[in-house]
Amino acid sequence: MWILVAFAILLFIAGGTWWMGLWSNLLNLINFFLAALVASAFYENVAWAIEGSMPEYTYLADFLAVWSTFFVVFALLRIGTDIVSPLRLKFDPVTEYIGRSVLSLWLAVSFIAFTFFTLHLAPLPPDDFQATPEERTIGIGPDRMWLAFIQSRSRGALSAYKHSDLFDNYELVPHPDDLELDARVFDPKGEFIFEHRARRVRISKKEVLME
């Protein structure tokens, strides 16, 4: 089933964005990555707000938070880029058609990876998604690719200091390789899939979660 979901996303995103042209797809790709990174990094803060105001949505809070954050940030970025760049840049036909094809496919594949990452936050029974922590979804593990991408960015270009006036103190236990690194590493020990599968097991058993 999940292969069909991935294929449907591929057709919908790649087919829908191809007609927008090279320049628009370049803006879409940049905006997507920024919005998806923000959503991946800050969905927990939004989820806490959802749980506080609507406790009946506890099981769905993380999933709702990551997607609502993504759509809001993407919409704001898209509006901003449309204001800054109201006209499309024109390219010669060869560059245009090759460029829009590559970028629309890149956007679709990236969207699949982000989507499968968010499925770990949904209250799906373990037997229906990620039956075992070692399993690679649809055979290639697009969710693992997105997790690796976020983790690498949190160590590198988009890293933030552990102690900051803007955020709470960083309390995750660092990986031994990161002991000297003053950065808020995302999922430092690679336990995201294990932890969220265990959470979905508890949800499937109807155990109350107030995390």
N, C-alpha and C. Protein backbone atom coordinates (compact mmCIF):
# COMPACT_ATOMS: atom_id res chain seq x y z
N MET A 1 0.82 -1.21 0.00
CA MET A 1 0.00 0.00 0.00
C MET A 1 0.85 1.26 0.00
N TRP A 2 1.93 1.25 0.80
CA TRP A 2 2.74 2.46 0.93
C TRP A 2 3.51 2.77 -0.35
N ILE A 3 3.80 1.72 -1.14
CA ILE A 3 4.42 1.97 -2.45
C ILE A 3 3.46 2.72 -3.34
N LEU A 4 2.18 2.37 -3.28
CA LEU A 4 1.17 3.07 -4.06
C LEU A 4 1.03 4.53 -3.60
N VAL A 5 1.11 4.73 -2.27
CA VAL A 5 1.05 6.09 -1.74
C VAL A 5 2.22 6.92 -2.27
N ALA A 6 3.42 6.34 -2.22
CA ALA A 6 4.60 7.05 -2.71
C ALA A 6 4.48 7.34 -4.21
N PHE A 7 3.97 6.38 -4.96
CA PHE A 7 3.81 6.58 -6.40
C PHE A 7 2.79 7.66 -6.70
N ALA A 8 1.70 7.69 -5.91
CA ALA A 8 0.66 8.71 -6.09
C ALA A 8 1.23 10.11 -5.79
N ILE A 9 2.02 10.21 -4.73
CA ILE A 9 2.65 11.50 -4.40
C ILE A 9 3.59 11.93 -5.52
N LEU A 10 4.36 10.97 -6.03
CA LEU A 10 5.30 11.27 -7.11
C LEU A 10 4.57 11.83 -8.32
N LEU A 11 3.48 11.16 -8.72
CA LEU A 11 2.73 11.61 -9.89
C LEU A 11 2.07 12.97 -9.64
N PHE A 12 1.49 13.13 -8.46
CA PHE A 12 0.75 14.36 -8.15
C PHE A 12 1.69 15.56 -8.07
N ILE A 13 2.78 15.42 -7.33
CA ILE A 13 3.70 16.55 -7.13
C ILE A 13 4.50 16.83 -8.39
N ALA A 14 5.10 15.79 -8.97
CA ALA A 14 5.92 16.00 -10.17
C ALA A 14 5.06 16.49 -11.33
N GLY A 15 3.89 15.85 -11.52
CA GLY A 15 3.02 16.26 -12.62
C GLY A 15 2.43 17.64 -12.42
N GLY A 16 2.07 17.95 -11.18
CA GLY A 16 1.46 19.25 -10.91
C GLY A 16 2.43 20.41 -11.00
N THR A 17 3.67 20.18 -10.57
CA THR A 17 4.63 21.28 -10.55
C THR A 17 5.37 21.44 -11.87
N TRP A 18 5.40 20.40 -12.68
CA TRP A 18 6.13 20.49 -13.95
C TRP A 18 5.63 21.65 -14.80
N TRP A 19 4.31 21.85 -14.77
CA TRP A 19 3.71 22.89 -15.60
C TRP A 19 4.02 24.30 -15.09
N MET A 20 4.54 24.41 -13.88
CA MET A 20 4.84 25.73 -13.33
C MET A 20 6.11 26.34 -13.91
N GLY A 21 6.94 25.52 -14.51
CA GLY A 21 8.16 26.05 -15.11
C GLY A 21 9.37 25.96 -14.20
N LEU A 22 10.54 26.18 -14.79
CA LEU A 22 11.81 26.03 -14.08
C LEU A 22 11.92 27.00 -12.91
N TRP A 23 11.67 28.29 -13.15
CA TRP A 23 11.87 29.30 -12.12
C TRP A 23 10.94 29.08 -10.93
N SER A 24 9.67 28.82 -11.21
CA SER A 24 8.71 28.60 -10.14
C SER A 24 9.05 27.34 -9.36
N ASN A 25 9.52 26.31 -10.05
CA ASN A 25 9.89 25.07 -9.36
C ASN A 25 11.13 25.26 -8.49
N LEU A 26 12.04 26.13 -8.93
CA LEU A 26 13.20 26.42 -8.10
C LEU A 26 12.78 27.09 -6.80
N LEU A 27 11.86 28.04 -6.89
CA LEU A 27 11.33 28.69 -5.69
C LEU A 27 10.57 27.69 -4.82
N ASN A 28 9.78 26.83 -5.45
CA ASN A 28 9.04 25.81 -4.71
C ASN A 28 9.98 24.89 -3.94
N LEU A 29 11.07 24.49 -4.59
CA LEU A 29 12.01 23.57 -3.95
C LEU A 29 12.68 24.22 -2.74
N ILE A 30 13.13 25.45 -2.91
CA ILE A 30 13.77 26.17 -1.79
C ILE A 30 12.77 26.35 -0.65
N ASN A 31 11.57 26.79 -0.99
CA ASN A 31 10.54 27.01 0.04
C ASN A 31 10.15 25.71 0.73
N PHE A 32 10.09 24.63 -0.05
CA PHE A 32 9.75 23.32 0.54
C PHE A 32 10.77 22.93 1.59
N PHE A 33 12.05 23.00 1.24
CA PHE A 33 13.08 22.56 2.18
C PHE A 33 13.09 23.43 3.44
N LEU A 34 12.93 24.72 3.28
CA LEU A 34 12.90 25.59 4.45
C LEU A 34 11.69 25.28 5.33
N ALA A 35 10.51 25.15 4.71
CA ALA A 35 9.29 24.88 5.47
C ALA A 35 9.35 23.51 6.14
N ALA A 36 9.85 22.50 5.43
CA ALA A 36 9.92 21.15 5.98
C ALA A 36 10.93 21.07 7.12
N LEU A 37 12.05 21.79 6.99
CA LEU A 37 13.04 21.80 8.07
C LEU A 37 12.49 22.49 9.31
N VAL A 38 11.79 23.61 9.12
CA VAL A 38 11.18 24.30 10.26
C VAL A 38 10.14 23.40 10.93
N ALA A 39 9.30 22.75 10.12
CA ALA A 39 8.27 21.87 10.67
C ALA A 39 8.88 20.70 11.43
N SER A 40 9.95 20.13 10.89
CA SER A 40 10.61 18.99 11.53
C SER A 40 11.27 19.37 12.85
N ALA A 41 11.76 20.60 12.91
CA ALA A 41 12.49 21.05 14.10
C ALA A 41 11.57 21.55 15.21
N PHE A 42 10.41 22.12 14.85
CA PHE A 42 9.59 22.82 15.84
C PHE A 42 8.18 22.24 16.02
N TYR A 43 7.91 21.08 15.41
CA TYR A 43 6.56 20.53 15.53
C TYR A 43 6.19 20.21 16.97
N GLU A 44 7.18 19.84 17.78
CA GLU A 44 6.88 19.48 19.17
C GLU A 44 6.32 20.67 19.94
N ASN A 45 6.86 21.86 19.70
CA ASN A 45 6.36 23.06 20.38
C ASN A 45 4.90 23.31 20.02
N VAL A 46 4.57 23.13 18.73
CA VAL A 46 3.19 23.31 18.28
C VAL A 46 2.30 22.20 18.85
N ALA A 47 2.83 20.99 18.92
CA ALA A 47 2.05 19.87 19.46
C ALA A 47 1.70 20.10 20.92
N TRP A 48 2.63 20.65 21.69
CA TRP A 48 2.34 20.94 23.10
C TRP A 48 1.19 21.95 23.22
N ALA A 49 1.18 22.93 22.33
CA ALA A 49 0.10 23.92 22.34
C ALA A 49 -1.23 23.26 21.99
N ILE A 50 -1.21 22.35 21.03
CA ILE A 50 -2.45 21.64 20.64
C ILE A 50 -2.96 20.79 21.79
N GLU A 51 -2.05 20.07 22.44
CA GLU A 51 -2.46 19.22 23.56
C GLU A 51 -3.00 20.05 24.72
N GLY A 52 -2.39 21.22 24.94
CA GLY A 52 -2.83 22.07 26.04
C GLY A 52 -4.21 22.64 25.82
N SER A 53 -4.53 22.98 24.57
CA SER A 53 -5.84 23.59 24.28
C SER A 53 -6.89 22.58 23.87
N MET A 54 -6.44 21.46 23.29
CA MET A 54 -7.38 20.43 22.83
C MET A 54 -6.87 19.05 23.21
N PRO A 55 -6.98 18.69 24.49
CA PRO A 55 -6.42 17.41 24.95
C PRO A 55 -7.00 16.19 24.25
N GLU A 56 -8.20 16.33 23.67
CA GLU A 56 -8.81 15.19 22.98
C GLU A 56 -8.03 14.82 21.71
N TYR A 57 -7.13 15.72 21.26
CA TYR A 57 -6.34 15.45 20.06
C TYR A 57 -4.91 15.02 20.41
N THR A 58 -4.73 14.50 21.61
CA THR A 58 -3.39 14.11 22.06
C THR A 58 -2.73 13.13 21.09
N TYR A 59 -3.49 12.12 20.65
CA TYR A 59 -2.91 11.11 19.76
C TYR A 59 -2.48 11.70 18.42
N LEU A 60 -3.21 12.73 17.97
CA LEU A 60 -2.95 13.32 16.66
C LEU A 60 -2.09 14.58 16.72
N ALA A 61 -1.77 15.02 17.92
CA ALA A 61 -1.13 16.34 18.09
C ALA A 61 0.15 16.48 17.28
N ASP A 62 1.04 15.50 17.36
CA ASP A 62 2.31 15.60 16.64
C ASP A 62 2.10 15.66 15.13
N PHE A 63 1.22 14.79 14.64
CA PHE A 63 0.97 14.74 13.20
C PHE A 63 0.33 16.03 12.70
N LEU A 64 -0.65 16.52 13.44
CA LEU A 64 -1.30 17.78 13.07
C LEU A 64 -0.30 18.94 13.15
N ALA A 65 0.55 18.91 14.16
CA ALA A 65 1.51 19.99 14.36
C ALA A 65 2.52 20.08 13.23
N VAL A 66 3.08 18.94 12.81
CA VAL A 66 4.11 18.98 11.78
C VAL A 66 3.55 19.44 10.45
N TRP A 67 2.33 19.00 10.10
CA TRP A 67 1.77 19.40 8.82
C TRP A 67 1.23 20.82 8.84
N SER A 68 0.61 21.23 9.94
CA SER A 68 0.12 22.61 10.01
C SER A 68 1.28 23.60 9.98
N THR A 69 2.36 23.27 10.68
CA THR A 69 3.54 24.13 10.66
C THR A 69 4.13 24.20 9.26
N PHE A 70 4.20 23.05 8.61
CA PHE A 70 4.75 23.03 7.25
C PHE A 70 3.93 23.89 6.30
N PHE A 71 2.61 23.71 6.29
CA PHE A 71 1.78 24.45 5.35
C PHE A 71 1.79 25.96 5.62
N VAL A 72 1.77 26.33 6.89
CA VAL A 72 1.80 27.76 7.23
C VAL A 72 3.11 28.39 6.78
N VAL A 73 4.22 27.74 7.11
CA VAL A 73 5.54 28.30 6.75
C VAL A 73 5.70 28.32 5.24
N PHE A 74 5.29 27.24 4.57
CA PHE A 74 5.43 27.19 3.11
C PHE A 74 4.60 28.29 2.46
N ALA A 75 3.37 28.49 2.93
CA ALA A 75 2.51 29.52 2.36
C ALA A 75 3.12 30.91 2.54
N LEU A 76 3.66 31.17 3.73
CA LEU A 76 4.27 32.48 3.99
C LEU A 76 5.50 32.70 3.11
N LEU A 77 6.30 31.66 2.97
CA LEU A 77 7.49 31.76 2.12
C LEU A 77 7.11 31.96 0.66
N ARG A 78 6.08 31.23 0.22
CA ARG A 78 5.66 31.34 -1.18
C ARG A 78 5.10 32.74 -1.46
N ILE A 79 4.34 33.26 -0.52
CA ILE A 79 3.83 34.63 -0.68
C ILE A 79 4.98 35.62 -0.73
N GLY A 80 5.96 35.44 0.14
CA GLY A 80 7.11 36.33 0.17
C GLY A 80 7.91 36.28 -1.12
N THR A 81 8.16 35.07 -1.64
CA THR A 81 8.93 34.97 -2.88
C THR A 81 8.14 35.49 -4.08
N ASP A 82 6.83 35.35 -4.06
CA ASP A 82 6.01 35.90 -5.14
C ASP A 82 6.05 37.43 -5.14
N ILE A 83 6.13 38.00 -3.94
CA ILE A 83 6.21 39.46 -3.85
C ILE A 83 7.59 39.95 -4.32
N VAL A 84 8.63 39.26 -3.89
CA VAL A 84 9.99 39.66 -4.26
C VAL A 84 10.27 39.38 -5.74
N SER A 85 9.72 38.26 -6.24
CA SER A 85 9.96 37.86 -7.63
C SER A 85 8.63 37.65 -8.34
N PRO A 86 7.94 38.73 -8.71
CA PRO A 86 6.61 38.60 -9.32
C PRO A 86 6.63 38.08 -10.74
N LEU A 87 7.78 38.15 -11.42
CA LEU A 87 7.88 37.71 -12.81
C LEU A 87 8.80 36.49 -12.91
N ARG A 88 8.43 35.56 -13.78
CA ARG A 88 9.27 34.40 -14.01
C ARG A 88 10.46 34.76 -14.87
N LEU A 89 11.61 34.18 -14.52
CA LEU A 89 12.76 34.30 -15.40
C LEU A 89 12.58 33.36 -16.58
N LYS A 90 12.96 33.80 -17.75
CA LYS A 90 12.81 32.98 -18.94
C LYS A 90 14.16 32.35 -19.31
N PHE A 91 14.09 31.10 -19.76
CA PHE A 91 15.28 30.36 -20.16
C PHE A 91 15.07 29.83 -21.57
N ASP A 92 16.16 29.43 -22.20
CA ASP A 92 16.02 28.83 -23.52
C ASP A 92 15.27 27.52 -23.38
N PRO A 93 14.57 27.04 -24.40
CA PRO A 93 13.70 25.85 -24.29
C PRO A 93 14.37 24.61 -23.72
N VAL A 94 15.62 24.34 -24.14
CA VAL A 94 16.30 23.14 -23.65
C VAL A 94 16.52 23.22 -22.14
N THR A 95 17.06 24.35 -21.68
CA THR A 95 17.29 24.55 -20.25
C THR A 95 15.98 24.51 -19.48
N GLU A 96 14.95 25.14 -20.02
CA GLU A 96 13.65 25.20 -19.37
C GLU A 96 13.06 23.81 -19.16
N TYR A 97 13.01 22.99 -20.20
CA TYR A 97 12.34 21.70 -20.08
C TYR A 97 13.16 20.69 -19.27
N ILE A 98 14.46 20.72 -19.43
CA ILE A 98 15.29 19.83 -18.61
C ILE A 98 15.25 20.29 -17.16
N GLY A 99 15.38 21.60 -16.93
CA GLY A 99 15.39 22.13 -15.57
C GLY A 99 14.10 21.88 -14.82
N ARG A 100 12.96 22.16 -15.48
CA ARG A 100 11.69 21.95 -14.79
C ARG A 100 11.44 20.47 -14.50
N SER A 101 11.93 19.59 -15.39
CA SER A 101 11.76 18.15 -15.17
C SER A 101 12.58 17.67 -13.97
N VAL A 102 13.84 18.12 -13.91
CA VAL A 102 14.71 17.72 -12.80
C VAL A 102 14.18 18.26 -11.48
N LEU A 103 13.79 19.53 -11.44
CA LEU A 103 13.35 20.14 -10.20
C LEU A 103 12.01 19.59 -9.73
N SER A 104 11.09 19.32 -10.66
CA SER A 104 9.79 18.77 -10.25
C SER A 104 9.96 17.36 -9.69
N LEU A 105 10.87 16.58 -10.28
CA LEU A 105 11.14 15.23 -9.77
C LEU A 105 11.83 15.31 -8.41
N TRP A 106 12.78 16.23 -8.28
CA TRP A 106 13.49 16.43 -7.01
C TRP A 106 12.51 16.83 -5.91
N LEU A 107 11.60 17.73 -6.23
CA LEU A 107 10.60 18.17 -5.26
C LEU A 107 9.69 17.02 -4.85
N ALA A 108 9.27 16.20 -5.82
CA ALA A 108 8.38 15.08 -5.53
C ALA A 108 9.05 14.05 -4.63
N VAL A 109 10.30 13.71 -4.94
CA VAL A 109 11.03 12.72 -4.13
C VAL A 109 11.26 13.25 -2.72
N SER A 110 11.59 14.53 -2.60
CA SER A 110 11.80 15.13 -1.28
C SER A 110 10.50 15.15 -0.49
N PHE A 111 9.39 15.42 -1.17
CA PHE A 111 8.10 15.44 -0.50
C PHE A 111 7.72 14.06 0.00
N ILE A 112 8.07 13.03 -0.75
CA ILE A 112 7.83 11.65 -0.31
C ILE A 112 8.61 11.37 0.97
N ALA A 113 9.88 11.78 0.99
CA ALA A 113 10.72 11.54 2.18
C ALA A 113 10.14 12.25 3.39
N PHE A 114 9.72 13.50 3.22
CA PHE A 114 9.14 14.24 4.34
C PHE A 114 7.82 13.61 4.79
N THR A 115 7.00 13.21 3.84
CA THR A 115 5.70 12.59 4.17
C THR A 115 5.88 11.33 4.99
N PHE A 116 6.81 10.47 4.58
CA PHE A 116 7.03 9.22 5.31
C PHE A 116 7.65 9.49 6.69
N PHE A 117 8.42 10.54 6.80
CA PHE A 117 8.91 10.96 8.12
C PHE A 117 7.73 11.31 9.03
N THR A 118 6.76 12.04 8.52
CA THR A 118 5.62 12.46 9.35
C THR A 118 4.72 11.29 9.73
N LEU A 119 4.75 10.22 8.95
CA LEU A 119 3.90 9.07 9.28
C LEU A 119 4.30 8.42 10.60
N HIS A 120 5.55 8.61 11.01
CA HIS A 120 5.97 8.10 12.31
C HIS A 120 5.25 8.84 13.44
N LEU A 121 4.77 10.04 13.16
CA LEU A 121 4.09 10.85 14.17
C LEU A 121 2.59 10.60 14.19
N ALA A 122 2.09 9.88 13.19
CA ALA A 122 0.66 9.58 13.11
C ALA A 122 0.34 8.38 13.99
N PRO A 123 -0.89 8.31 14.51
CA PRO A 123 -1.26 7.17 15.37
C PRO A 123 -1.60 5.92 14.57
N LEU A 124 -0.66 5.50 13.73
CA LEU A 124 -0.87 4.31 12.90
C LEU A 124 -0.45 3.06 13.67
N PRO A 125 -1.23 1.98 13.59
CA PRO A 125 -0.82 0.73 14.24
C PRO A 125 0.52 0.27 13.69
N PRO A 126 1.39 -0.24 14.53
CA PRO A 126 2.72 -0.68 14.09
C PRO A 126 2.66 -1.70 12.95
N ASP A 127 1.65 -2.55 12.96
CA ASP A 127 1.56 -3.56 11.90
C ASP A 127 1.24 -2.94 10.55
N ASP A 128 0.68 -1.74 10.55
CA ASP A 128 0.34 -1.07 9.30
C ASP A 128 1.47 -0.21 8.76
N PHE A 129 2.35 0.24 9.64
CA PHE A 129 3.47 1.08 9.21
C PHE A 129 4.65 0.83 10.12
N GLN A 130 5.80 0.51 9.53
CA GLN A 130 7.03 0.26 10.28
C GLN A 130 6.81 -0.86 11.30
N ALA A 131 6.55 -2.04 10.78
CA ALA A 131 6.27 -3.19 11.64
C ALA A 131 7.41 -3.47 12.60
N THR A 132 8.65 -3.27 12.14
CA THR A 132 9.83 -3.41 13.00
C THR A 132 10.71 -2.18 12.80
N PRO A 133 11.45 -1.77 13.81
CA PRO A 133 12.31 -0.58 13.67
C PRO A 133 13.34 -0.72 12.56
N GLU A 134 13.74 -1.95 12.26
CA GLU A 134 14.78 -2.16 11.25
C GLU A 134 14.22 -2.12 9.83
N GLU A 135 12.92 -2.20 9.70
CA GLU A 135 12.30 -2.24 8.37
C GLU A 135 12.50 -0.93 7.62
N ARG A 136 12.76 -1.03 6.33
CA ARG A 136 12.88 0.15 5.48
C ARG A 136 11.59 0.31 4.69
N THR A 137 10.87 1.37 4.93
CA THR A 137 9.60 1.58 4.25
C THR A 137 9.81 1.65 2.74
N ILE A 138 8.90 1.03 2.01
CA ILE A 138 8.91 0.86 0.55
C ILE A 138 10.27 0.40 0.02
N GLY A 139 11.01 -0.28 0.88
CA GLY A 139 12.26 -0.89 0.45
C GLY A 139 13.49 0.01 0.47
N ILE A 140 13.30 1.34 0.47
CA ILE A 140 14.45 2.24 0.42
C ILE A 140 14.52 3.18 1.62
N GLY A 141 13.46 3.24 2.41
CA GLY A 141 13.48 4.06 3.62
C GLY A 141 13.56 5.55 3.38
N PRO A 142 12.60 6.15 2.67
CA PRO A 142 12.66 7.61 2.47
C PRO A 142 12.59 8.39 3.77
N ASP A 143 11.91 7.83 4.78
CA ASP A 143 11.85 8.49 6.09
C ASP A 143 13.23 8.58 6.72
N ARG A 144 14.03 7.53 6.56
CA ARG A 144 15.39 7.53 7.09
C ARG A 144 16.26 8.56 6.37
N MET A 145 16.00 8.74 5.08
CA MET A 145 16.75 9.75 4.32
C MET A 145 16.47 11.15 4.86
N TRP A 146 15.19 11.41 5.16
CA TRP A 146 14.85 12.73 5.70
C TRP A 146 15.43 12.92 7.10
N LEU A 147 15.36 11.88 7.92
CA LEU A 147 15.94 11.96 9.26
C LEU A 147 17.44 12.22 9.19
N ALA A 148 18.12 11.54 8.28
CA ALA A 148 19.56 11.75 8.12
C ALA A 148 19.85 13.17 7.64
N PHE A 149 18.99 13.69 6.76
CA PHE A 149 19.18 15.05 6.25
C PHE A 149 19.01 16.08 7.37
N ILE A 150 17.96 15.94 8.18
CA ILE A 150 17.75 16.87 9.28
C ILE A 150 18.92 16.82 10.26
N GLN A 151 19.33 15.60 10.59
CA GLN A 151 20.42 15.46 11.54
C GLN A 151 21.70 16.10 11.02
N SER A 152 22.00 15.89 9.74
CA SER A 152 23.22 16.47 9.17
C SER A 152 23.16 18.00 9.17
N ARG A 153 21.98 18.56 8.88
CA ARG A 153 21.85 20.03 8.87
C ARG A 153 21.95 20.59 10.29
N SER A 154 21.44 19.84 11.28
CA SER A 154 21.52 20.34 12.65
C SER A 154 22.94 20.29 13.18
N ARG A 155 23.79 19.51 12.52
CA ARG A 155 25.21 19.48 12.88
C ARG A 155 26.02 20.51 12.10
N GLY A 156 25.43 20.95 10.96
CA GLY A 156 26.21 21.78 10.07
C GLY A 156 25.65 23.17 9.84
N ALA A 157 25.22 23.42 8.60
CA ALA A 157 24.87 24.77 8.16
C ALA A 157 23.73 25.39 8.96
N LEU A 158 22.80 24.58 9.45
CA LEU A 158 21.64 25.11 10.17
C LEU A 158 21.70 24.80 11.66
N SER A 159 22.88 24.61 12.18
CA SER A 159 23.03 24.27 13.60
C SER A 159 22.77 25.49 14.47
N ALA A 160 22.38 25.21 15.70
CA ALA A 160 22.16 26.26 16.70
C ALA A 160 22.90 25.88 17.97
N TYR A 161 23.36 26.89 18.72
CA TYR A 161 24.08 26.62 19.96
C TYR A 161 23.17 25.93 20.99
N LYS A 162 23.78 25.09 21.82
CA LYS A 162 23.01 24.37 22.83
C LYS A 162 22.37 25.33 23.82
N HIS A 163 23.07 26.38 24.17
CA HIS A 163 22.53 27.36 25.11
C HIS A 163 22.17 28.63 24.35
N SER A 164 20.91 28.96 24.38
CA SER A 164 20.43 30.09 23.60
C SER A 164 19.34 30.83 24.37
N ASP A 165 19.27 32.12 24.16
CA ASP A 165 18.21 32.92 24.79
C ASP A 165 16.86 32.70 24.12
N LEU A 166 16.87 32.15 22.91
CA LEU A 166 15.63 31.97 22.16
C LEU A 166 14.94 30.64 22.45
N PHE A 167 15.73 29.62 22.89
CA PHE A 167 15.17 28.28 23.07
C PHE A 167 15.49 27.77 24.47
N ASP A 168 14.73 26.74 24.87
CA ASP A 168 15.01 26.07 26.14
C ASP A 168 16.37 25.38 26.05
N ASN A 169 16.95 25.11 27.20
CA ASN A 169 18.24 24.44 27.21
C ASN A 169 18.15 23.07 26.52
N TYR A 170 19.18 22.75 25.77
CA TYR A 170 19.25 21.48 25.06
C TYR A 170 19.58 20.39 26.06
N GLU A 171 18.70 19.39 26.18
CA GLU A 171 18.87 18.37 27.23
C GLU A 171 19.06 16.97 26.69
N LEU A 172 19.07 16.79 25.36
CA LEU A 172 19.27 15.46 24.81
C LEU A 172 20.70 14.99 25.05
N VAL A 173 20.83 13.69 25.29
CA VAL A 173 22.17 13.12 25.51
C VAL A 173 22.88 13.01 24.17
N PRO A 174 24.04 13.65 24.02
CA PRO A 174 24.71 13.65 22.72
C PRO A 174 25.34 12.30 22.39
N HIS A 175 25.52 12.07 21.11
CA HIS A 175 26.27 10.91 20.64
C HIS A 175 27.74 11.12 21.02
N PRO A 176 28.47 10.05 21.33
CA PRO A 176 29.89 10.22 21.69
C PRO A 176 30.69 11.02 20.66
N ASP A 177 30.32 10.91 19.39
CA ASP A 177 31.04 11.65 18.36
C ASP A 177 30.74 13.15 18.40
N ASP A 178 29.67 13.53 19.13
CA ASP A 178 29.26 14.93 19.15
C ASP A 178 29.56 15.63 20.47
N LEU A 179 30.35 15.00 21.33
CA LEU A 179 30.59 15.56 22.66
C LEU A 179 31.23 16.94 22.60
N GLU A 180 32.09 17.15 21.61
CA GLU A 180 32.77 18.43 21.49
C GLU A 180 32.01 19.42 20.62
N LEU A 181 30.86 19.01 20.14
CA LEU A 181 30.10 19.84 19.21
C LEU A 181 29.06 20.65 19.96
N ASP A 182 29.15 21.97 19.87
CA ASP A 182 28.19 22.85 20.53
C ASP A 182 27.03 23.13 19.57
N ALA A 183 26.18 22.11 19.42
CA ALA A 183 25.06 22.22 18.48
C ALA A 183 23.88 21.39 18.99
N ARG A 184 22.68 21.85 18.68
CA ARG A 184 21.46 21.13 19.04
C ARG A 184 21.19 20.07 17.99
N VAL A 185 21.85 18.95 18.11
CA VAL A 185 21.75 17.89 17.10
C VAL A 185 20.38 17.22 17.17
N PHE A 186 19.74 17.10 16.03
CA PHE A 186 18.44 16.44 15.96
C PHE A 186 18.63 14.94 16.07
N ASP A 187 17.89 14.31 16.99
CA ASP A 187 17.94 12.86 17.17
C ASP A 187 19.39 12.38 17.23
N PRO A 188 20.17 12.85 18.22
CA PRO A 188 21.61 12.60 18.24
C PRO A 188 22.01 11.13 18.23
N LYS A 189 21.18 10.25 18.79
CA LYS A 189 21.54 8.84 18.86
C LYS A 189 20.74 7.98 17.89
N GLY A 190 20.01 8.62 16.98
CA GLY A 190 19.27 7.86 15.98
C GLY A 190 18.16 7.00 16.57
N GLU A 191 17.46 7.54 17.56
CA GLU A 191 16.42 6.76 18.24
C GLU A 191 15.00 7.17 17.84
N PHE A 192 14.87 8.07 16.87
CA PHE A 192 13.56 8.60 16.50
C PHE A 192 12.59 7.49 16.11
N ILE A 193 13.00 6.61 15.21
CA ILE A 193 12.10 5.55 14.73
C ILE A 193 11.73 4.60 15.86
N PHE A 194 12.69 4.24 16.70
CA PHE A 194 12.42 3.33 17.81
C PHE A 194 11.43 3.96 18.80
N GLU A 195 11.67 5.23 19.14
CA GLU A 195 10.82 5.90 20.13
C GLU A 195 9.39 6.07 19.63
N HIS A 196 9.24 6.45 18.37
CA HIS A 196 7.90 6.70 17.86
C HIS A 196 7.16 5.41 17.52
N ARG A 197 7.90 4.36 17.21
CA ARG A 197 7.21 3.07 17.06
C ARG A 197 6.68 2.61 18.42
N ALA A 198 7.48 2.77 19.47
CA ALA A 198 7.03 2.41 20.81
C ALA A 198 5.82 3.24 21.21
N ARG A 199 5.81 4.50 20.82
CA ARG A 199 4.66 5.37 21.10
C ARG A 199 3.42 4.88 20.39
N ARG A 200 3.57 4.46 19.12
CA ARG A 200 2.42 3.96 18.38
C ARG A 200 1.93 2.62 18.92
N VAL A 201 2.84 1.85 19.49
CA VAL A 201 2.43 0.60 20.15
C VAL A 201 1.55 0.92 21.35
N ARG A 202 1.95 1.94 22.13
CA ARG A 202 1.15 2.33 23.29
C ARG A 202 -0.21 2.88 22.86
N ILE A 203 -0.22 3.64 21.78
CA ILE A 203 -1.49 4.18 21.28
C ILE A 203 -2.40 3.05 20.82
N SER A 204 -1.82 2.06 20.13
CA SER A 204 -2.63 0.93 19.65
C SER A 204 -3.23 0.14 20.80
N LYS A 205 -2.58 0.22 21.96
CA LYS A 205 -3.11 -0.45 23.16
C LYS A 205 -3.99 0.48 23.97
N LYS A 206 -4.24 1.69 23.37
CA LYS A 206 -5.11 2.69 24.00
C LYS A 206 -4.60 3.16 25.34
N GLU A 207 -3.27 3.20 25.49
CA GLU A 207 -2.68 3.77 26.69
C GLU A 207 -2.64 5.27 26.53
N VAL A 208 -3.00 6.03 27.54
CA VAL A 208 -3.04 7.48 27.47
C VAL A 208 -1.64 8.03 27.38
N LEU A 209 -1.43 8.94 26.43
CA LEU A 209 -0.13 9.56 26.28
C LEU A 209 -0.24 11.03 26.62
N MET A 210 0.57 11.47 27.51
CA MET A 210 0.66 12.91 27.82
C MET A 210 2.13 13.26 27.82
N GLU A 211 2.73 13.26 26.63
CA GLU A 211 4.17 13.47 26.50
C GLU A 211 4.47 14.94 26.28
